[in-house]
Amino acid sequence: MEIFINKDSNIIKAHRIFIDSINQNEVLYLPLSEEIFSDICKNSLFLSAENNGELSGFLIANVLDKKAFITLIFVKKEFRNKGIGTELIVELQRILQDKSCKELCINHLNPTELSWHIPKSPHTHNKIPGVFKESPALEFFIKNGFNITHEETAMYRDLTGFTLPEDIKNVIAALKNEGIVVGELKDFDIEFDGLCDRVQSEYWRASIASEIYAHKHCIGNLDSHFWADDIAPTAPRKILAATYNKHMVGFTGPVDLQKDGRGWFTGLCVDPKFGRRRIGETLFNLLLQAFTEEGAQFTSLFTGSTNPAKKIYLKAGLKPVAEFAALSKGINGQ
């Protein structure tokens, strides 16, 4: 067996292996055209294995600073269980060692995003955060020295016929009696640093700040980290929040619609000082209502398998549809 680095003549053959695996229902990935697959290979590290001149397997990875991310690894069916996948990983590690990389990962930070079919639905999701736990690939990676760093649950809901529960309307009224207003944010001179400090999240600080800036200047969000489908919004987007005396104590949004009909948002955040009031549950149900008003057909999300917010999503009708494991392996024992 020989392993080649960035051998372009093997790209189309690798694409055939990828498509064959999809057609045989071995993986959840959506098919990619030859052109898109080729672009991914040419903009990544592409390793291909040959046995007697025949392509037997391939690996695609991205290298960012001191970390590398495996995007795809496939072995042709008739060549499986012969150590080819392991040899591809060994060769990748040798290359990464020369590049002074310290860690090899399979997680949501990979810049190459591949869409996948949501099981038992007609819909898709735009990113995979790790290895599908029901796949034999998980055992393969663990045998090759990878460790599970965390687990993610994919959740889904068809939004057809969604209406805001009467119980949530009652919670909104009860919160208002406490001075907590929950709904679409209209006052953009709002303090939110306290919320972000208490949840210890610079991600939320950046997300909220960029949306408020967009509203104050009547423009779309300028930060590409918070764009649906990597497309810059052309106008400010609706924000849902819980506020108390000019302080933000809960946030979700922005409300956006992806081209596949998915209701898109950055997440859900509640100030721990205002916990146990069903603020998160109320905001999320208002978000689902806003999605339907925007014409969304469904929504889907990832959440940590032990995240308390999972209870909110379940109560709002989202169902777990897949479990993923994020993986990591040190290079040279690091």
Protein backbone atom coordinates (compact mmCIF):
# COMPACT_ATOMS: atom_id res chain seq x y z
CA MET A 1 0.00 0.00 0.00
CA GLU A 2 1.13 3.55 -0.79
CA ILE A 3 -0.21 6.79 0.64
CA PHE A 4 -0.10 9.96 -1.45
CA ILE A 5 -0.40 13.57 -0.36
CA ASN A 6 -2.67 15.87 -2.40
CA LYS A 7 -2.76 13.59 -5.46
CA ASP A 8 -5.41 15.34 -7.54
CA SER A 9 -5.96 12.39 -9.87
CA ASN A 10 -7.47 10.46 -6.95
CA ILE A 11 -10.07 13.09 -6.04
CA ILE A 12 -12.84 11.92 -8.38
CA LYS A 13 -12.21 8.29 -7.36
CA ALA A 14 -12.49 9.36 -3.71
CA HIS A 15 -15.75 11.14 -4.53
CA ARG A 16 -17.14 7.85 -5.88
CA ILE A 17 -16.27 6.07 -2.62
CA PHE A 18 -18.00 8.87 -0.68
CA ILE A 19 -21.17 8.72 -2.83
CA ASP A 20 -21.28 4.90 -2.74
CA SER A 21 -21.21 4.99 1.06
CA ILE A 22 -24.10 7.48 1.11
CA ASN A 23 -26.12 5.41 -1.36
CA GLN A 24 -25.64 2.33 0.83
CA ASN A 25 -26.98 4.27 3.86
CA GLU A 26 -23.70 3.89 5.73
CA VAL A 27 -23.50 7.59 6.62
CA LEU A 28 -25.85 10.54 7.16
CA TYR A 29 -24.00 13.00 4.91
CA LEU A 30 -25.74 14.75 2.05
CA PRO A 31 -24.20 14.03 -1.37
CA LEU A 32 -21.69 16.56 -2.69
CA SER A 33 -21.16 17.31 -6.35
CA GLU A 34 -17.81 16.39 -7.88
CA GLU A 35 -17.00 20.09 -8.11
CA ILE A 36 -17.70 20.86 -4.45
CA PHE A 37 -15.94 17.69 -3.27
CA SER A 38 -12.93 18.57 -5.43
CA ASP A 39 -12.81 22.11 -4.02
CA ILE A 40 -12.83 20.71 -0.46
CA CYS A 41 -9.96 18.33 -1.27
CA LYS A 42 -7.88 21.00 -2.98
CA ASN A 43 -8.34 23.43 -0.08
CA SER A 44 -7.53 20.82 2.55
CA LEU A 45 -4.91 18.17 3.24
CA PHE A 46 -5.97 15.23 1.04
CA LEU A 47 -4.40 11.81 1.66
CA SER A 48 -5.18 8.88 -0.62
CA ALA A 49 -4.22 5.22 -0.17
CA GLU A 50 -3.59 2.91 -3.12
CA ASN A 51 -3.30 -0.86 -3.21
CA ASN A 52 -1.68 -2.10 -6.41
CA GLY A 53 -2.63 1.14 -8.14
CA GLU A 54 -6.28 1.07 -7.02
CA LEU A 55 -7.63 3.74 -4.66
CA SER A 56 -8.54 1.96 -1.43
CA GLY A 57 -9.19 4.85 0.94
CA PHE A 58 -8.79 8.56 1.59
CA LEU A 59 -8.66 11.15 4.37
CA ILE A 60 -9.40 14.89 4.27
CA ALA A 61 -8.20 17.18 7.06
CA ASN A 62 -7.84 20.88 7.86
CA VAL A 63 -4.91 22.37 9.71
CA LEU A 64 -5.46 25.55 11.74
CA ASP A 65 -2.61 26.88 13.85
CA LYS A 66 -1.68 24.06 16.24
CA LYS A 67 -4.84 22.00 15.70
CA ALA A 68 -5.96 19.74 12.89
CA PHE A 69 -9.48 18.54 12.10
CA ILE A 70 -10.48 15.37 10.27
CA THR A 71 -13.29 16.17 7.83
CA LEU A 72 -13.73 12.76 6.16
CA ILE A 73 -12.06 9.36 6.24
CA PHE A 74 -13.37 6.51 4.09
CA VAL A 75 -12.10 3.09 3.07
CA LYS A 76 -13.54 1.31 0.05
CA LYS A 77 -15.72 -1.61 1.13
CA GLU A 78 -13.57 -4.42 -0.25
CA PHE A 79 -10.46 -3.01 1.47
CA ARG A 80 -11.89 -2.61 4.97
CA ASN A 81 -10.45 -4.31 8.07
CA LYS A 82 -6.99 -4.32 6.52
CA GLY A 83 -5.54 -1.44 8.56
CA ILE A 84 -5.83 1.15 5.77
CA GLY A 85 -7.78 3.67 7.87
CA THR A 86 -5.22 3.37 10.65
CA GLU A 87 -2.34 3.88 8.20
CA LEU A 88 -4.02 7.04 6.89
CA ILE A 89 -4.23 8.42 10.43
CA VAL A 90 -0.61 7.47 11.15
CA GLU A 91 0.52 9.29 8.00
CA LEU A 92 -1.61 12.31 8.92
CA GLN A 93 0.01 12.42 12.36
CA ARG A 94 3.48 12.30 10.79
CA ILE A 95 2.60 15.28 8.61
CA LEU A 96 1.08 17.17 11.55
CA GLN A 97 4.16 16.52 13.65
CA ASP A 98 6.24 18.25 10.98
CA LYS A 99 3.81 21.17 11.15
CA SER A 100 4.16 21.30 14.98
CA CYS A 101 0.46 20.55 15.47
CA LYS A 102 -0.43 19.49 18.99
CA GLU A 103 -3.94 18.11 18.63
CA LEU A 104 -6.07 16.18 16.14
CA CYS A 105 -9.81 16.75 16.53
CA ILE A 106 -13.19 15.77 15.16
CA ASN A 107 -15.63 18.43 16.33
CA HIS A 108 -17.73 21.47 15.42
CA LEU A 109 -14.71 23.77 15.09
CA ASN A 110 -13.74 22.23 11.74
CA PRO A 111 -14.05 25.05 9.18
CA THR A 112 -15.38 22.61 6.57
CA GLU A 113 -19.11 22.19 7.25
CA LEU A 114 -20.87 19.17 5.79
CA SER A 115 -24.66 18.87 5.83
CA TRP A 116 -26.45 15.70 6.91
CA HIS A 117 -29.92 14.15 6.81
CA ILE A 118 -31.94 14.48 10.00
CA PRO A 119 -33.16 10.89 10.62
CA LYS A 120 -36.89 10.23 10.19
CA SER A 121 -37.51 13.64 8.63
CA PRO A 122 -37.41 15.29 5.19
CA HIS A 123 -35.00 17.94 6.47
CA THR A 124 -31.25 18.50 6.82
CA HIS A 125 -28.82 20.20 9.18
CA ASN A 126 -25.76 22.13 8.06
CA LYS A 127 -23.02 20.86 10.35
CA ILE A 128 -21.80 17.72 12.11
CA PRO A 129 -20.23 18.24 15.57
CA GLY A 130 -18.40 14.93 15.77
CA VAL A 131 -18.80 11.23 15.03
CA PHE A 132 -22.27 9.70 14.87
CA LYS A 133 -22.33 7.48 17.97
CA GLU A 134 -24.16 4.62 16.23
CA SER A 135 -21.51 4.48 13.51
CA PRO A 136 -18.71 1.88 13.62
CA ALA A 137 -16.40 4.85 13.01
CA LEU A 138 -16.58 5.72 16.73
CA GLU A 139 -15.02 2.40 17.75
CA PHE A 140 -12.41 2.82 15.00
CA PHE A 141 -11.30 6.22 16.28
CA ILE A 142 -11.20 5.11 19.91
CA LYS A 143 -9.03 2.13 18.93
CA ASN A 144 -6.73 4.63 17.23
CA GLY A 145 -6.18 6.61 20.41
CA PHE A 146 -8.92 9.25 20.25
CA ASN A 147 -10.78 10.28 23.38
CA ILE A 148 -14.35 11.54 23.66
CA THR A 149 -14.15 15.16 24.81
CA HIS A 150 -17.91 15.74 24.96
CA GLU A 151 -21.17 14.47 23.55
CA GLU A 152 -23.83 16.36 21.61
CA THR A 153 -27.51 15.57 21.10
CA ALA A 154 -29.12 16.67 17.84
CA MET A 155 -32.74 17.75 18.36
CA TYR A 156 -35.45 18.50 15.82
CA ARG A 157 -39.01 19.79 15.55
CA ASP A 158 -41.33 20.23 12.59
CA LEU A 159 -42.98 23.63 13.12
CA THR A 160 -46.15 22.87 11.20
CA GLY A 161 -49.11 24.02 13.29
CA PHE A 162 -47.04 25.43 16.15
CA THR A 163 -48.94 27.81 18.45
CA LEU A 164 -47.77 29.47 21.64
CA PRO A 165 -49.00 27.38 24.62
CA GLU A 166 -51.52 29.05 26.92
CA ASP A 167 -49.30 28.12 29.86
CA ILE A 168 -46.47 30.23 28.40
CA LYS A 169 -48.80 33.19 28.04
CA ASN A 170 -49.58 32.85 31.75
CA VAL A 171 -45.86 32.76 32.58
CA ILE A 172 -45.31 35.97 30.57
CA ALA A 173 -48.04 37.68 32.62
CA ALA A 174 -46.61 36.39 35.92
CA LEU A 175 -43.11 37.57 35.02
CA LYS A 176 -44.47 40.99 34.12
CA ASN A 177 -45.90 41.25 37.64
CA GLU A 178 -42.32 40.77 38.90
CA GLY A 179 -41.11 43.55 36.63
CA ILE A 180 -39.57 41.13 34.12
CA VAL A 181 -40.64 41.84 30.54
CA VAL A 182 -40.25 38.97 28.06
CA GLY A 183 -40.68 39.43 24.31
CA GLU A 184 -39.20 41.18 21.30
CA LEU A 185 -36.48 43.62 22.34
CA LYS A 186 -37.35 47.20 21.38
CA ASP A 187 -35.09 49.22 23.71
CA PHE A 188 -31.52 48.89 22.51
CA ASP A 189 -30.02 51.05 25.25
CA ILE A 190 -29.97 47.99 27.46
CA GLU A 191 -27.24 46.76 29.79
CA PHE A 192 -26.15 43.19 29.10
CA ASP A 193 -22.59 42.89 30.42
CA GLY A 194 -23.80 41.64 33.79
CA LEU A 195 -25.60 38.74 32.11
CA CYS A 196 -22.51 37.85 30.08
CA ASP A 197 -20.23 38.12 33.11
CA ARG A 198 -22.40 35.81 35.18
CA VAL A 199 -22.63 33.14 32.47
CA GLN A 200 -18.91 33.69 31.79
CA SER A 201 -19.36 33.90 28.04
CA GLU A 202 -17.60 36.21 25.61
CA TYR A 203 -19.53 34.42 22.85
CA TRP A 204 -22.79 35.82 24.21
CA ARG A 205 -21.26 39.25 24.70
CA ALA A 206 -20.19 39.34 21.05
CA SER A 207 -23.50 37.94 19.79
CA ILE A 208 -25.70 40.36 21.73
CA ALA A 209 -23.46 43.36 21.08
CA SER A 210 -23.40 42.75 17.32
CA GLU A 211 -27.19 42.44 17.12
CA ILE A 212 -27.77 45.60 19.17
CA TYR A 213 -25.24 47.50 17.04
CA ALA A 214 -27.12 46.40 13.92
CA HIS A 215 -30.41 47.71 15.31
CA LYS A 216 -28.93 51.02 16.43
CA HIS A 217 -27.46 51.62 12.96
CA CYS A 218 -30.32 50.07 10.93
CA ILE A 219 -28.00 47.60 9.22
CA GLY A 220 -27.47 43.86 9.09
CA ASN A 221 -25.16 42.16 11.56
CA LEU A 222 -21.55 42.76 10.46
CA ASP A 223 -20.04 39.81 12.34
CA SER A 224 -19.84 36.74 10.08
CA HIS A 225 -19.79 34.46 13.13
CA PHE A 226 -23.50 35.17 13.50
CA TRP A 227 -24.74 34.77 9.92
CA ALA A 228 -27.15 32.07 8.81
CA ASP A 229 -25.86 30.13 5.77
CA ASP A 230 -22.76 32.37 5.88
CA ILE A 231 -24.86 35.08 4.22
CA ALA A 232 -24.72 38.62 5.59
CA PRO A 233 -28.18 39.81 6.70
CA THR A 234 -29.35 42.95 4.95
CA ALA A 235 -31.30 44.41 7.89
CA PRO A 236 -31.54 44.10 11.68
CA ARG A 237 -33.08 40.84 12.86
CA LYS A 238 -35.62 40.31 15.62
CA ILE A 239 -34.16 39.71 19.09
CA LEU A 240 -36.10 38.10 21.93
CA ALA A 241 -35.11 39.03 25.46
CA ALA A 242 -36.11 39.14 29.10
CA THR A 243 -35.39 42.52 30.70
CA TYR A 244 -35.53 43.86 34.24
CA ASN A 245 -34.99 47.56 35.04
CA LYS A 246 -33.00 48.23 31.84
CA HIS A 247 -30.88 45.09 32.36
CA MET A 248 -31.01 42.09 30.04
CA VAL A 249 -31.56 38.89 32.02
CA GLY A 250 -32.29 36.51 29.16
CA PHE A 251 -31.68 36.35 25.42
CA THR A 252 -32.41 34.24 22.37
CA GLY A 253 -32.20 34.88 18.67
CA PRO A 254 -31.62 36.48 16.36
CA VAL A 255 -34.63 35.17 14.47
CA ASP A 256 -33.47 34.12 11.01
CA LEU A 257 -34.47 31.72 8.25
CA GLN A 258 -32.06 29.48 6.37
CA LYS A 259 -32.60 28.68 2.71
CA ASP A 260 -33.63 25.10 3.54
CA GLY A 261 -36.52 26.37 5.68
CA ARG A 262 -34.79 25.95 9.04
CA GLY A 263 -35.39 28.47 11.79
CA TRP A 264 -31.90 29.63 12.79
CA PHE A 265 -30.62 31.27 15.99
CA THR A 266 -27.37 31.48 17.96
CA GLY A 267 -28.65 29.95 21.19
CA LEU A 268 -30.44 30.56 24.49
CA CYS A 269 -29.01 32.32 27.53
CA VAL A 270 -30.53 33.18 30.95
CA ASP A 271 -28.94 35.10 33.81
CA PRO A 272 -28.42 32.67 36.72
CA LYS A 273 -29.57 35.40 39.10
CA PHE A 274 -33.01 35.09 37.52
CA GLY A 275 -33.23 31.32 37.36
CA ARG A 276 -36.18 29.09 38.27
CA ARG A 277 -38.71 31.47 36.72
CA ARG A 278 -39.17 29.61 33.39
CA ILE A 279 -37.57 32.52 31.52
CA GLY A 280 -35.58 30.21 29.24
CA GLU A 281 -38.63 28.09 28.47
CA THR A 282 -40.69 31.20 27.70
CA LEU A 283 -38.04 32.71 25.44
CA PHE A 284 -37.63 29.48 23.51
CA ASN A 285 -41.36 29.11 22.87
CA LEU A 286 -41.51 32.73 21.71
CA LEU A 287 -38.60 31.91 19.41
CA LEU A 288 -40.52 29.01 17.86
CA GLN A 289 -43.49 31.31 17.34
CA ALA A 290 -41.24 33.89 15.67
CA PHE A 291 -39.80 31.19 13.42
CA THR A 292 -43.28 30.25 12.18
CA GLU A 293 -44.05 33.92 11.54
CA GLU A 294 -40.90 34.09 9.39
CA GLY A 295 -42.05 31.03 7.42
CA ALA A 296 -39.74 28.44 8.95
CA GLN A 297 -40.73 24.82 8.34
CA PHE A 298 -38.63 23.32 11.12
CA THR A 299 -35.84 23.95 13.56
CA SER A 300 -32.96 21.80 14.72
CA LEU A 301 -30.09 22.29 17.12
CA PHE A 302 -27.24 20.66 18.98
CA THR A 303 -27.02 20.68 22.74
CA GLY A 304 -24.66 19.07 25.19
CA SER A 305 -26.03 15.71 26.30
CA THR A 306 -26.05 16.91 29.94
CA ASN A 307 -27.08 20.52 29.24
CA PRO A 308 -30.01 21.54 31.51
CA ALA A 309 -31.51 23.44 28.53
CA LYS A 310 -32.25 20.05 26.97
CA LYS A 311 -35.31 19.85 29.26
CA ILE A 312 -36.59 23.13 27.78
CA TYR A 313 -36.18 21.84 24.24
CA LEU A 314 -37.92 18.55 25.05
CA LYS A 315 -40.84 20.33 26.69
CA ALA A 316 -41.18 22.56 23.60
CA GLY A 317 -41.61 19.50 21.41
CA LEU A 318 -38.10 18.95 20.04
CA LYS A 319 -37.08 15.31 19.77
CA PRO A 320 -33.58 13.81 20.04
CA VAL A 321 -32.71 12.45 16.59
CA ALA A 322 -29.00 11.63 16.79
CA GLU A 323 -26.10 11.49 19.25
CA PHE A 324 -22.60 12.64 18.34
CA ALA A 325 -19.24 12.31 20.07
CA ALA A 326 -16.57 15.00 19.70
CA LEU A 327 -13.11 13.46 19.66
CA SER A 328 -9.56 14.56 20.28
CA LYS A 329 -6.10 13.01 20.21
CA GLY A 330 -2.80 14.50 21.25
CA ILE A 331 0.07 14.30 18.79
CA ASN A 332 3.36 12.94 20.19
CA GLY A 333 1.62 12.15 23.47
CA GLN A 334 0.62 15.78 24.05
